[in-house]
Each structure stands twice: as structure tokens, then as C-alpha cells.
C-alpha atoms as a PDB file:
ATOM      1  CA  MET A   1      27.323  23.070   1.003  1.00  0.00           C
ATOM      2  CA  ARG A   2      23.939  22.255   0.095  1.00  0.00           C
ATOM      3  CA  ILE A   3      21.392  22.570   2.765  1.00  0.00           C
ATOM      4  CA  ILE A   4      17.910  21.195   1.929  1.00  0.00           C
ATOM      5  CA  LEU A   5      14.941  21.942   4.172  1.00  0.00           C
ATOM      6  CA  LEU A   6      12.102  19.724   3.624  1.00  0.00           C
ATOM      7  CA  GLY A   7       8.988  18.494   5.358  1.00  0.00           C
ATOM      8  CA  PRO A   8       5.113  18.093   4.661  1.00  0.00           C
ATOM      9  CA  THR A   9       3.081  21.291   3.974  1.00  0.00           C
ATOM     10  CA  ALA A  10       2.771  23.439   7.000  1.00  0.00           C
ATOM     11  CA  SER A  11       5.829  22.050   8.854  1.00  0.00           C
ATOM     12  CA  GLY A  12       7.592  25.179   9.238  1.00  0.00           C
ATOM     13  CA  LYS A  13      10.141  25.702   6.721  1.00  0.00           C
ATOM     14  CA  THR A  14       9.883  29.277   5.587  1.00  0.00           C
ATOM     15  CA  GLU A  15      11.128  30.690   8.930  1.00  0.00           C
ATOM     16  CA  LEU A  16      13.680  28.287   9.474  1.00  0.00           C
ATOM     17  CA  SER A  17      15.019  28.712   6.290  1.00  0.00           C
ATOM     18  CA  LEU A  18      15.044  32.385   6.280  1.00  0.00           C
ATOM     19  CA  GLN A  19      16.927  32.069   9.581  1.00  0.00           C
ATOM     20  CA  LEU A  20      19.702  29.691   8.279  1.00  0.00           C
ATOM     21  CA  ALA A  21      20.467  31.891   5.330  1.00  0.00           C
ATOM     22  CA  GLU A  22      20.586  34.788   7.010  1.00  0.00           C
ATOM     23  CA  GLU A  23      23.392  32.960   9.463  1.00  0.00           C
ATOM     24  CA  LEU A  24      24.938  31.526   6.689  1.00  0.00           C
ATOM     25  CA  GLY A  25      25.071  34.808   4.417  1.00  0.00           C
ATOM     26  CA  THR A  26      23.262  32.922   1.510  1.00  0.00           C
ATOM     27  CA  SER A  27      20.371  32.291  -0.454  1.00  0.00           C
ATOM     28  CA  ILE A  28      16.974  30.504  -0.606  1.00  0.00           C
ATOM     29  CA  ILE A  29      16.008  28.699  -3.833  1.00  0.00           C
ATOM     30  CA  SER A  30      12.283  27.224  -3.350  1.00  0.00           C
ATOM     31  CA  ALA A  31      11.699  23.550  -4.021  1.00  0.00           C
ATOM     32  CA  ASP A  32       8.274  24.202  -4.354  1.00  0.00           C
ATOM     33  CA  SER A  33       6.178  23.250  -7.539  1.00  0.00           C
ATOM     34  CA  ARG A  34       3.840  26.171  -7.448  1.00  0.00           C
ATOM     35  CA  GLN A  35       5.643  29.083  -5.840  1.00  0.00           C
ATOM     36  CA  CYS A  36       7.487  29.722  -8.795  1.00  0.00           C
ATOM     37  CA  TYR A  37       4.290  30.855 -10.550  1.00  0.00           C
ATOM     38  CA  LYS A  38       3.399  34.446 -10.872  1.00  0.00           C
ATOM     39  CA  HIS A  39      -0.283  35.276  -8.848  1.00  0.00           C
ATOM     40  CA  LEU A  40      -0.453  32.242  -6.840  1.00  0.00           C
ATOM     41  CA  ASP A  41       0.696  33.909  -3.744  1.00  0.00           C
ATOM     42  CA  ILE A  42      -1.659  32.875  -0.638  1.00  0.00           C
ATOM     43  CA  GLY A  43      -2.610  29.349  -1.643  1.00  0.00           C
ATOM     44  CA  THR A  44       1.014  28.608  -2.132  1.00  0.00           C
ATOM     45  CA  ALA A  45       2.210  30.093   1.346  1.00  0.00           C
ATOM     46  CA  LYS A  46       4.606  32.016  -0.647  1.00  0.00           C
ATOM     47  CA  PRO A  47       6.934  34.349   1.425  1.00  0.00           C
ATOM     48  CA  SER A  48       5.667  37.456   1.870  1.00  0.00           C
ATOM     49  CA  LYS A  49       7.279  40.787   0.620  1.00  0.00           C
ATOM     50  CA  LYS A  50       8.907  41.423   4.261  1.00  0.00           C
ATOM     51  CA  GLU A  51      10.176  37.848   4.302  1.00  0.00           C
ATOM     52  CA  LEU A  52      11.675  38.168   0.636  1.00  0.00           C
ATOM     53  CA  SER A  53      13.465  41.139   1.616  1.00  0.00           C
ATOM     54  CA  ARG A  54      15.449  39.679   4.596  1.00  0.00           C
ATOM     55  CA  VAL A  55      17.470  36.889   2.350  1.00  0.00           C
ATOM     56  CA  PRO A  56      17.402  36.769  -1.836  1.00  0.00           C
ATOM     57  CA  HIS A  57      15.266  33.876  -3.037  1.00  0.00           C
ATOM     58  CA  PHE A  58      15.047  32.207  -6.418  1.00  0.00           C
ATOM     59  CA  ASN A  59      12.114  30.051  -8.003  1.00  0.00           C
ATOM     60  CA  ILE A  60       9.655  32.871  -6.737  1.00  0.00           C
ATOM     61  CA  SER A  61       7.209  34.439  -9.175  1.00  0.00           C
ATOM     62  CA  ASN A  62       9.356  34.069 -11.940  1.00  0.00           C
ATOM     63  CA  LEU A  63       7.056  31.889 -14.383  1.00  0.00           C
ATOM     64  CA  GLU A  64       3.591  33.157 -15.688  1.00  0.00           C
ATOM     65  CA  LEU A  65       0.347  31.006 -15.287  1.00  0.00           C
ATOM     66  CA  GLU A  66       0.373  29.476 -18.894  1.00  0.00           C
ATOM     67  CA  GLU A  67       3.783  28.210 -18.706  1.00  0.00           C
ATOM     68  CA  ASP A  68       4.706  24.543 -18.014  1.00  0.00           C
ATOM     69  CA  ASP A  69       7.002  23.351 -15.664  1.00  0.00           C
ATOM     70  CA  SER A  70       8.911  20.350 -14.581  1.00  0.00           C
ATOM     71  CA  ALA A  71      10.902  18.804 -11.779  1.00  0.00           C
ATOM     72  CA  VAL A  72      13.299  18.467 -14.930  1.00  0.00           C
ATOM     73  CA  LYS A  73      13.083  21.864 -15.715  1.00  0.00           C
ATOM     74  CA  PHE A  74      13.332  23.059 -12.204  1.00  0.00           C
ATOM     75  CA  VAL A  75      16.807  21.258 -11.500  1.00  0.00           C
ATOM     76  CA  ALA A  76      18.036  23.118 -14.682  1.00  0.00           C
ATOM     77  CA  ARG A  77      17.045  26.431 -13.157  1.00  0.00           C
ATOM     78  CA  ALA A  78      18.667  25.614  -9.863  1.00  0.00           C
ATOM     79  CA  GLU A  79      21.482  24.297 -11.104  1.00  0.00           C
ATOM     80  CA  ASP A  80      22.418  27.930 -13.069  1.00  0.00           C
ATOM     81  CA  TRP A  81      21.400  29.519  -9.614  1.00  0.00           C
ATOM     82  CA  GLU A  82      23.414  27.393  -7.146  1.00  0.00           C
ATOM     83  CA  LYS A  83      26.617  28.475  -9.420  1.00  0.00           C
ATOM     84  CA  GLU A  84      25.484  32.079  -8.928  1.00  0.00           C
ATOM     85  CA  ILE A  85      24.754  31.867  -5.188  1.00  0.00           C
ATOM     86  CA  LEU A  86      28.171  29.862  -4.513  1.00  0.00           C
ATOM     87  CA  GLN A  87      30.097  32.633  -6.359  1.00  0.00           C
ATOM     88  CA  HIS A  88      30.018  34.701  -2.810  1.00  0.00           C
ATOM     89  CA  SER A  89      28.727  32.220  -0.249  1.00  0.00           C
ATOM     90  CA  ASP A  90      30.004  28.283   0.886  1.00  0.00           C
ATOM     91  CA  HIS A  91      26.636  27.266   1.256  1.00  0.00           C
ATOM     92  CA  VAL A  92      22.989  27.443  -0.532  1.00  0.00           C
ATOM     93  CA  VAL A  93      19.977  26.527   1.121  1.00  0.00           C
ATOM     94  CA  TYR A  94      16.958  24.821  -0.444  1.00  0.00           C
ATOM     95  CA  ALA A  95      13.484  24.805   1.182  1.00  0.00           C
ATOM     96  CA  GLY A  96      10.280  22.656  -0.057  1.00  0.00           C
ATOM     97  CA  GLY A  97       8.482  19.757  -0.266  1.00  0.00           C
ATOM     98  CA  SER A  98       7.714  18.767  -3.749  1.00  0.00           C
ATOM     99  CA  THR A  99       8.825  15.563  -3.658  1.00  0.00           C
ATOM    100  CA  LEU A 100      10.012  15.168  -7.370  1.00  0.00           C
ATOM    101  CA  HIS A 101      11.764  18.429  -7.367  1.00  0.00           C
ATOM    102  CA  LEU A 102      13.511  17.217  -4.185  1.00  0.00           C
ATOM    103  CA  THR A 103      14.277  13.853  -5.723  1.00  0.00           C
ATOM    104  CA  GLY A 104      15.835  15.479  -8.615  1.00  0.00           C
ATOM    105  CA  LEU A 105      18.290  17.370  -6.409  1.00  0.00           C
ATOM    106  CA  ILE A 106      19.537  14.625  -5.024  1.00  0.00           C
ATOM    107  CA  GLN A 107      19.257  11.736  -7.791  1.00  0.00           C
ATOM    108  CA  PRO A 108      19.218  13.164 -11.099  1.00  0.00           C
ATOM    109  CA  PHE A 109      16.932  12.194 -13.427  1.00  0.00           C
ATOM    110  CA  SER A 110      18.105   9.858 -16.604  1.00  0.00           C
ATOM    111  CA  ASN A 111      17.989  11.654 -20.159  1.00  0.00           C
ATOM    112  CA  ILE A 112      14.166  12.380 -20.227  1.00  0.00           C
ATOM    113  CA  PRO A 113      12.782  14.015 -23.385  1.00  0.00           C
ATOM    114  CA  ASP A 114      11.926  17.435 -23.445  1.00  0.00           C
ATOM    115  CA  SER A 115       8.094  17.879 -23.588  1.00  0.00           C
ATOM    116  CA  LYS A 116       6.447  17.448 -26.924  1.00  0.00           C
ATOM    117  CA  GLU A 117       3.813  20.295 -27.578  1.00  0.00           C
ATOM    118  CA  GLU A 118       1.870  18.179 -30.021  1.00  0.00           C
ATOM    119  CA  ASN A 119       1.688  15.253 -27.480  1.00  0.00           C
ATOM    120  CA  ILE A 120       0.850  18.068 -24.549  1.00  0.00           C
ATOM    121  CA  THR A 121      -2.093  19.835 -26.871  1.00  0.00           C
ATOM    122  CA  LYS A 122      -3.515  16.525 -27.597  1.00  0.00           C
ATOM    123  CA  LEU A 123      -3.520  14.989 -24.098  1.00  0.00           C
ATOM    124  CA  ASN A 124      -4.961  18.221 -22.989  1.00  0.00           C
ATOM    125  CA  GLN A 125      -7.557  18.312 -25.204  1.00  0.00           C
ATOM    126  CA  GLN A 126      -8.688  14.656 -24.330  1.00  0.00           C
ATOM    127  CA  ILE A 127      -9.026  15.451 -20.756  1.00  0.00           C
ATOM    128  CA  ASP A 128     -11.114  18.510 -21.592  1.00  0.00           C
ATOM    129  CA  GLU A 129     -13.405  16.315 -23.694  1.00  0.00           C
ATOM    130  CA  GLU A 130     -13.196  13.098 -21.882  1.00  0.00           C
ATOM    131  CA  GLY A 131     -12.062  13.734 -18.020  1.00  0.00           C
ATOM    132  CA  ILE A 132      -8.946  13.207 -16.426  1.00  0.00           C
ATOM    133  CA  GLU A 133      -9.895  10.019 -14.873  1.00  0.00           C
ATOM    134  CA  ILE A 134      -9.465   8.341 -18.665  1.00  0.00           C
ATOM    135  CA  LEU A 135      -6.139   9.367 -18.849  1.00  0.00           C
ATOM    136  CA  TYR A 136      -5.098   8.419 -15.287  1.00  0.00           C
ATOM    137  CA  GLU A 137      -6.247   4.863 -15.923  1.00  0.00           C
ATOM    138  CA  LYS A 138      -4.169   4.672 -18.917  1.00  0.00           C
ATOM    139  CA  LEU A 139      -1.142   5.776 -17.138  1.00  0.00           C
ATOM    140  CA  LYS A 140      -2.024   3.237 -14.218  1.00  0.00           C
ATOM    141  CA  GLU A 141      -1.994   0.530 -16.908  1.00  0.00           C
ATOM    142  CA  ILE A 142       1.322   1.612 -18.590  1.00  0.00           C
ATOM    143  CA  ASP A 143       3.301   3.061 -15.711  1.00  0.00           C
ATOM    144  CA  PRO A 144       1.733   1.565 -12.278  1.00  0.00           C
ATOM    145  CA  ASP A 145       5.092   2.398 -10.908  1.00  0.00           C
ATOM    146  CA  TYR A 146       4.644   6.199 -11.109  1.00  0.00           C
ATOM    147  CA  ILE A 147       0.899   6.372  -9.755  1.00  0.00           C
ATOM    148  CA  PRO A 148       2.362   6.396  -6.136  1.00  0.00           C
ATOM    149  CA  LYS A 149       4.891   9.030  -6.884  1.00  0.00           C
ATOM    150  CA  MET A 150       2.011  11.622  -7.998  1.00  0.00           C
ATOM    151  CA  ASP A 151       0.255  14.183  -5.779  1.00  0.00           C
ATOM    152  CA  GLY A 152      -3.020  12.592  -6.373  1.00  0.00           C
ATOM    153  CA  MET A 153      -4.667  13.055  -9.740  1.00  0.00           C
ATOM    154  CA  ASN A 154      -2.156  15.602 -10.901  1.00  0.00           C
ATOM    155  CA  ARG A 155      -2.869  16.874 -14.353  1.00  0.00           C
ATOM    156  CA  LEU A 156       0.660  18.126 -15.010  1.00  0.00           C
ATOM    157  CA  ARG A 157       2.410  14.926 -14.166  1.00  0.00           C
ATOM    158  CA  ILE A 158      -0.356  12.647 -16.215  1.00  0.00           C
ATOM    159  CA  ILE A 159       0.348  14.509 -19.204  1.00  0.00           C
ATOM    160  CA  ARG A 160       4.131  14.958 -18.773  1.00  0.00           C
ATOM    161  CA  ALA A 161       4.403  10.764 -17.290  1.00  0.00           C
ATOM    162  CA  LEU A 162       2.140   9.974 -20.686  1.00  0.00           C
ATOM    163  CA  ASP A 163       3.979  12.655 -23.229  1.00  0.00           C
ATOM    164  CA  VAL A 164       7.412  10.694 -22.324  1.00  0.00           C
ATOM    165  CA  TRP A 165       5.627   7.169 -22.865  1.00  0.00           C
ATOM    166  CA  MET A 166       4.461   8.472 -26.108  1.00  0.00           C
ATOM    167  CA  GLN A 167       7.646   9.674 -27.342  1.00  0.00           C
ATOM    168  CA  THR A 168       9.818   6.572 -25.842  1.00  0.00           C
ATOM    169  CA  GLY A 169       7.337   3.669 -25.563  1.00  0.00           C
ATOM    170  CA  ARG A 170       9.010   3.812 -22.071  1.00  0.00           C
ATOM    171  CA  PRO A 171       7.207   4.293 -18.681  1.00  0.00           C
ATOM    172  CA  PHE A 172       8.109   7.336 -17.295  1.00  0.00           C
ATOM    173  CA  SER A 173       9.274   5.833 -13.772  1.00  0.00           C
ATOM    174  CA  SER A 174      11.966   4.069 -15.696  1.00  0.00           C
ATOM    175  CA  PHE A 175      13.694   7.308 -16.105  1.00  0.00           C
ATOM    176  CA  HIS A 176      14.654   7.464 -12.761  1.00  0.00           C
ATOM    177  CA  GLN A 177      17.289   5.642 -11.098  1.00  0.00           C
ATOM    178  CA  LYS A 178      16.421   2.297  -9.377  1.00  0.00           C
ATOM    179  CA  ASP A 179      19.456   1.967  -7.699  1.00  0.00           C
ATOM    180  CA  GLU A 180      19.607   2.965  -3.818  1.00  0.00           C
ATOM    181  CA  ILE A 181      20.133   6.884  -3.489  1.00  0.00           C
ATOM    182  CA  THR A 182      23.347   7.906  -2.092  1.00  0.00           C
ATOM    183  CA  LEU A 183      23.235  11.598  -0.884  1.00  0.00           C
ATOM    184  CA  PRO A 184      25.961  13.620  -2.789  1.00  0.00           C
ATOM    185  CA  LYS A 185      28.915  14.764  -0.370  1.00  0.00           C
ATOM    186  CA  ASN A 186      28.461  18.174  -0.686  1.00  0.00           C
ATOM    187  CA  THR A 187      24.711  17.936   0.290  1.00  0.00           C
ATOM    188  CA  LEU A 188      22.830  17.719   3.678  1.00  0.00           C
ATOM    189  CA  VAL A 189      19.433  16.871   4.324  1.00  0.00           C
ATOM    190  CA  PHE A 190      16.729  18.031   7.403  1.00  0.00           C
ATOM    191  CA  GLY A 191      13.376  17.514   7.988  1.00  0.00           C
ATOM    192  CA  LEU A 192      10.658  19.315  10.061  1.00  0.00           C
ATOM    193  CA  HIS A 193       8.510  16.557  11.840  1.00  0.00           C
ATOM    194  CA  HIS A 194       5.559  17.118  13.654  1.00  0.00           C
ATOM    195  CA  PRO A 195       3.097  14.388  15.406  1.00  0.00           C
ATOM    196  CA  ARG A 196       0.252  13.835  12.747  1.00  0.00           C
ATOM    197  CA  GLU A 197      -2.494  14.848  14.525  1.00  0.00           C
ATOM    198  CA  LYS A 198      -0.354  18.127  15.368  1.00  0.00           C
ATOM    199  CA  LEU A 199       0.350  18.521  11.694  1.00  0.00           C
ATOM    200  CA  TYR A 200      -3.299  18.007  10.465  1.00  0.00           C
ATOM    201  CA  GLU A 201      -3.995  20.925  13.412  1.00  0.00           C
ATOM    202  CA  ARG A 202      -1.697  23.327  11.559  1.00  0.00           C
ATOM    203  CA  ILE A 203      -2.841  22.475   8.034  1.00  0.00           C
ATOM    204  CA  ASN A 204      -6.604  23.207   9.323  1.00  0.00           C
ATOM    205  CA  GLN A 205      -5.486  26.723  10.739  1.00  0.00           C
ATOM    206  CA  ARG A 206      -3.234  27.630   7.886  1.00  0.00           C
ATOM    207  CA  VAL A 207      -6.581  26.828   5.146  1.00  0.00           C
ATOM    208  CA  ASP A 208      -8.541  28.823   7.565  1.00  0.00           C
ATOM    209  CA  LEU A 209      -6.121  31.858   7.675  1.00  0.00           C
ATOM    210  CA  MET A 210      -5.490  31.435   3.976  1.00  0.00           C
ATOM    211  CA  ILE A 211      -9.456  32.174   3.317  1.00  0.00           C
ATOM    212  CA  GLU A 212      -9.480  35.041   5.902  1.00  0.00           C
ATOM    213  CA  ASN A 213      -6.632  36.321   4.155  1.00  0.00           C
ATOM    214  CA  GLY A 214      -8.183  36.859   0.726  1.00  0.00           C
ATOM    215  CA  LEU A 215      -7.524  33.178  -1.093  1.00  0.00           C
ATOM    216  CA  ILE A 216     -11.016  33.642  -2.765  1.00  0.00           C
ATOM    217  CA  GLU A 217     -10.467  36.755  -4.124  1.00  0.00           C
ATOM    218  CA  GLU A 218      -6.680  36.073  -4.941  1.00  0.00           C
ATOM    219  CA  VAL A 219      -8.684  32.868  -7.398  1.00  0.00           C
ATOM    220  CA  GLN A 220     -11.240  35.475  -8.333  1.00  0.00           C
ATOM    221  CA  SER A 221      -8.653  37.619  -9.449  1.00  0.00           C
ATOM    222  CA  ILE A 222      -6.782  35.360 -11.664  1.00  0.00           C
ATOM    223  CA  LEU A 223      -9.961  34.498 -13.127  1.00  0.00           C
ATOM    224  CA  ASP A 224     -10.828  37.913 -13.915  1.00  0.00           C
ATOM    225  CA  GLN A 225      -7.868  38.500 -15.578  1.00  0.00           C
ATOM    226  CA  GLY A 226      -8.631  36.167 -18.191  1.00  0.00           C
ATOM    227  CA  PHE A 227      -6.619  33.053 -17.320  1.00  0.00           C
ATOM    228  CA  LEU A 228      -8.398  29.618 -18.136  1.00  0.00           C
ATOM    229  CA  LYS A 229      -9.343  27.624 -14.787  1.00  0.00           C
ATOM    230  CA  ASP A 230      -7.913  24.510 -16.228  1.00  0.00           C
ATOM    231  CA  LEU A 231      -4.490  25.982 -16.659  1.00  0.00           C
ATOM    232  CA  GLN A 232      -1.853  23.076 -15.363  1.00  0.00           C
ATOM    233  CA  SER A 233      -0.725  25.795 -12.601  1.00  0.00           C
ATOM    234  CA  LEU A 234      -3.800  25.950 -11.330  1.00  0.00           C
ATOM    235  CA  GLN A 235      -4.726  22.177 -10.832  1.00  0.00           C
ATOM    236  CA  THR A 236      -3.425  22.441  -7.336  1.00  0.00           C
ATOM    237  CA  VAL A 237      -4.889  21.827  -3.974  1.00  0.00           C
ATOM    238  CA  GLY A 238      -6.751  25.261  -2.882  1.00  0.00           C
ATOM    239  CA  TYR A 239      -6.880  26.887  -6.602  1.00  0.00           C
ATOM    240  CA  ARG A 240      -8.889  23.909  -7.971  1.00  0.00           C
ATOM    241  CA  GLU A 241     -11.596  23.652  -4.788  1.00  0.00           C
ATOM    242  CA  ILE A 242     -12.225  27.276  -5.133  1.00  0.00           C
ATOM    243  CA  ILE A 243     -12.531  27.161  -8.873  1.00  0.00           C
ATOM    244  CA  THR A 244     -15.250  24.755  -8.403  1.00  0.00           C
ATOM    245  CA  TYR A 245     -16.815  26.725  -5.449  1.00  0.00           C
ATOM    246  CA  LEU A 246     -16.834  29.750  -7.686  1.00  0.00           C
ATOM    247  CA  ASP A 247     -18.811  27.515 -10.160  1.00  0.00           C
ATOM    248  CA  GLY A 248     -21.182  26.677  -7.976  1.00  0.00           C
ATOM    249  CA  ASP A 249     -20.766  23.430  -7.167  1.00  0.00           C
ATOM    250  CA  PHE A 250     -20.023  23.669  -3.583  1.00  0.00           C
ATOM    251  CA  THR A 251     -21.135  25.715  -0.725  1.00  0.00           C
ATOM    252  CA  LYS A 252     -18.309  27.716   0.906  1.00  0.00           C
ATOM    253  CA  ASP A 253     -18.467  25.467   3.988  1.00  0.00           C
ATOM    254  CA  GLU A 254     -17.765  22.197   1.625  1.00  0.00           C
ATOM    255  CA  MET A 255     -14.860  24.260  -0.372  1.00  0.00           C
ATOM    256  CA  ILE A 256     -13.259  25.342   2.989  1.00  0.00           C
ATOM    257  CA  GLU A 257     -13.271  21.552   4.148  1.00  0.00           C
ATOM    258  CA  LYS A 258     -12.498  19.829   0.818  1.00  0.00           C
ATOM    259  CA  ILE A 259      -9.525  22.204   1.013  1.00  0.00           C
ATOM    260  CA  LYS A 260      -8.457  20.636   4.380  1.00  0.00           C
ATOM    261  CA  THR A 261      -9.205  17.245   3.606  1.00  0.00           C
ATOM    262  CA  ASN A 262      -7.188  17.343   0.444  1.00  0.00           C
ATOM    263  CA  THR A 263      -4.243  19.185   2.020  1.00  0.00           C
ATOM    264  CA  ARG A 264      -4.157  16.578   4.381  1.00  0.00           C
ATOM    265  CA  ARG A 265      -4.124  13.763   1.899  1.00  0.00           C
ATOM    266  CA  TYR A 266      -1.064  15.660   0.124  1.00  0.00           C
ATOM    267  CA  ALA A 267       0.748  15.879   3.466  1.00  0.00           C
ATOM    268  CA  LYS A 268       0.324  12.027   3.967  1.00  0.00           C
ATOM    269  CA  ARG A 269       1.706  11.422   0.573  1.00  0.00           C
ATOM    270  CA  GLN A 270       4.689  13.631   1.390  1.00  0.00           C
ATOM    271  CA  LEU A 271       5.618  11.753   4.489  1.00  0.00           C
ATOM    272  CA  THR A 272       5.033   8.439   2.970  1.00  0.00           C
ATOM    273  CA  TRP A 273       7.833   9.439   0.087  1.00  0.00           C
ATOM    274  CA  PHE A 274      10.269  10.836   2.740  1.00  0.00           C
ATOM    275  CA  ARG A 275      10.258   8.077   4.699  1.00  0.00           C
ATOM    276  CA  ARG A 276      12.239   6.234   2.021  1.00  0.00           C
ATOM    277  CA  TRP A 277      15.095   8.265   2.672  1.00  0.00           C
ATOM    278  CA  ASP A 278      17.078   7.323   5.520  1.00  0.00           C
ATOM    279  CA  PHE A 279      19.777   9.932   4.883  1.00  0.00           C
ATOM    280  CA  ILE A 280      17.198  12.864   6.243  1.00  0.00           C
ATOM    281  CA  GLN A 281      18.195  13.925   9.792  1.00  0.00           C
ATOM    282  CA  TRP A 282      14.745  14.612  11.261  1.00  0.00           C
ATOM    283  CA  LEU A 283      14.042  17.504  13.775  1.00  0.00           C
ATOM    284  CA  ASP A 284      11.265  17.615  16.371  1.00  0.00           C
ATOM    285  CA  ALA A 285       9.484  20.927  15.306  1.00  0.00           C
ATOM    286  CA  ASP A 286       6.706  20.276  17.527  1.00  0.00           C
ATOM    287  CA  GLN A 287       8.920  20.198  20.787  1.00  0.00           C
ATOM    288  CA  LEU A 288      11.979  22.582  19.522  1.00  0.00           C
ATOM    289  CA  SER A 289      11.842  26.359  18.734  1.00  0.00           C
ATOM    290  CA  VAL A 290      12.943  27.730  15.560  1.00  0.00           C
ATOM    291  CA  GLU A 291      16.045  28.982  16.899  1.00  0.00           C
ATOM    292  CA  GLU A 292      16.821  25.818  18.737  1.00  0.00           C
ATOM    293  CA  ILE A 293      16.251  23.942  15.409  1.00  0.00           C
ATOM    294  CA  LYS A 294      18.702  26.400  13.414  1.00  0.00           C
ATOM    295  CA  GLU A 295      21.799  25.570  16.389  1.00  0.00           C
ATOM    296  CA  ARG A 296      21.111  22.335  15.778  1.00  0.00           C
ATOM    297  CA  VAL A 297      21.498  22.529  11.964  1.00  0.00           C
ATOM    298  CA  LEU A 298      24.188  24.821  12.159  1.00  0.00           C
ATOM    299  CA  ARG A 299      26.425  22.185  14.536  1.00  0.00           C
ATOM    300  CA  THR A 300      25.664  19.707  11.688  1.00  0.00           C
ATOM    301  CA  ILE A 301      27.208  21.603   8.808  1.00  0.00           C
ATOM    302  CA  PRO A 302      31.072  21.072   8.762  1.00  0.00           C
END
């Protein structure tokens, strides 16, 4: 049985997924598009060493910062991990909020071509020379249906969508099945819900805690190691604002407020996406304890 635990950022997925996996005697696969990268720890809310020691995890710190990733590549990895996990357990727990990663688990993508290095290099160069807005407008023109599915002006997703269009002449969104999604029989999907005001409060508190725990120093360390600041892996809320701050374009207070604002916007886009899925079993994380939510989930599992 595949158990997917989703929700917007800062909704409390980590502790619940740990308790579920412990109870079920299984492992967790992170459905997060950035926790897979080494060095991105604080800003991705990656599970701590102590949390990782409680339950085996997959898709955590398995990629180098220079490596390109995609939802298609994630699903391919996850299929292999799932087969391995199900050899010694009846269940596997997925936890995350990356919408395309979750979509790929529930509704397989259709024959999307692999990235073409020549196109990727050309598009990256164009962004460096002309700015990302040019390519964003181009994508909006050729594939308006995909724009609402991106988490803002996401460099990685813009380049990937344009790469597919350059190879096939087809909009990237056309490769996603358009039929109504039917949840696979072996899959249950649970979502953590908070009132929006409470969720935004949790987000603001998390950002403050990340700064307190050394997020600025984490980003500075990454740059000091020689990693380029325009890497696709660093085009992430929290990291890109701090890079801009370190470049001298923001004050510290402005940077922190921008991270909070952009994280809230990202959470809003996640919620908009999740509302399309009527198969999600929503759990009131604002009123119920983690233990109570865990018990409700366990009672639902056949």
C-alpha cells in the first residue's frame, strides 16, 4: 500500500510521516524537489540527523547541487525505491508538497523526452544574458496551460518546458494526461489542513527559525565552496533571496520579509493545486495532535 502524505509547506508533514512509518515498519520517500540535494539542509526543512536515524529515508541528499532533476526523474527513482521497500514491508510512505512530483506518483507522465543538453545550455545562456522574464513570456505564449502549474518564475521548470517544446513542437502541458485523475487502487492520499491565517503564521515562524538556525551561513558556505549562484538547485525560495541579500541588493530585514512573502505565495499555489484532487482525505492539523492524526490514518489503511 502506498500512503502519500501531502500538504503545503510548514504544515507538519515530517513528524507525522515519521510516526506513521515507525508504526507501519516501513520507509519514507521524500516527495520534495529540493531535499534531494546535498548542502540544502536548513532552507528545505530537511529532516534532521536524529529524525533520519528513526526511519530509513530516500530522496534525501542523494544529488549534487550541479545535477539537474525533474519530476520524471524523481518518479523513476521512486519506482525503484518502492520496489526495494516493498520487499520487506507492506507499505511505503511518501511525504512532501512538490506538486509535479506528487502528480507523477498518482498520474504517470506520457512519453516526455529526456532533457537535451544542447537546449539546456542554450536556454541557460539566454537567461544569463537577457533575464528569465524573456523565456517566461515565451513559455506563456506557447504553453499558457503550464504557467499556473509552476511555482512562480521557476528557472528549472521554464527551461524544462521550453526544452520539451524545442524537441517536439508540443507544449509541455500536452504530455500530462488530461483525463480526470483516478487514484490507483493501492494508494491512499492524506492532506494536512490548517486555516490559512494559521498556516501563514507557521510559515513566518519557520522562516525566523531557519534564519536563527543559520540559513544565511548555509548559503554563504555553499557559495564559498565555489558553487555558482545561478545553479537550478539554488533557484529556490529562501536561497535565492539570501543570495540577493549577500550581493548587497536587500537589507537583512527586507530579505527575511521577502522569504516569508514568497513562501506564503508558494503555499497558496500548492493549496490551489491540491484543491483539484477530490480524493485527498484532509486532516485537521490545527485541531488534532500528531498522535490523533496518525491514529485516524492507521484506521483508514486496509
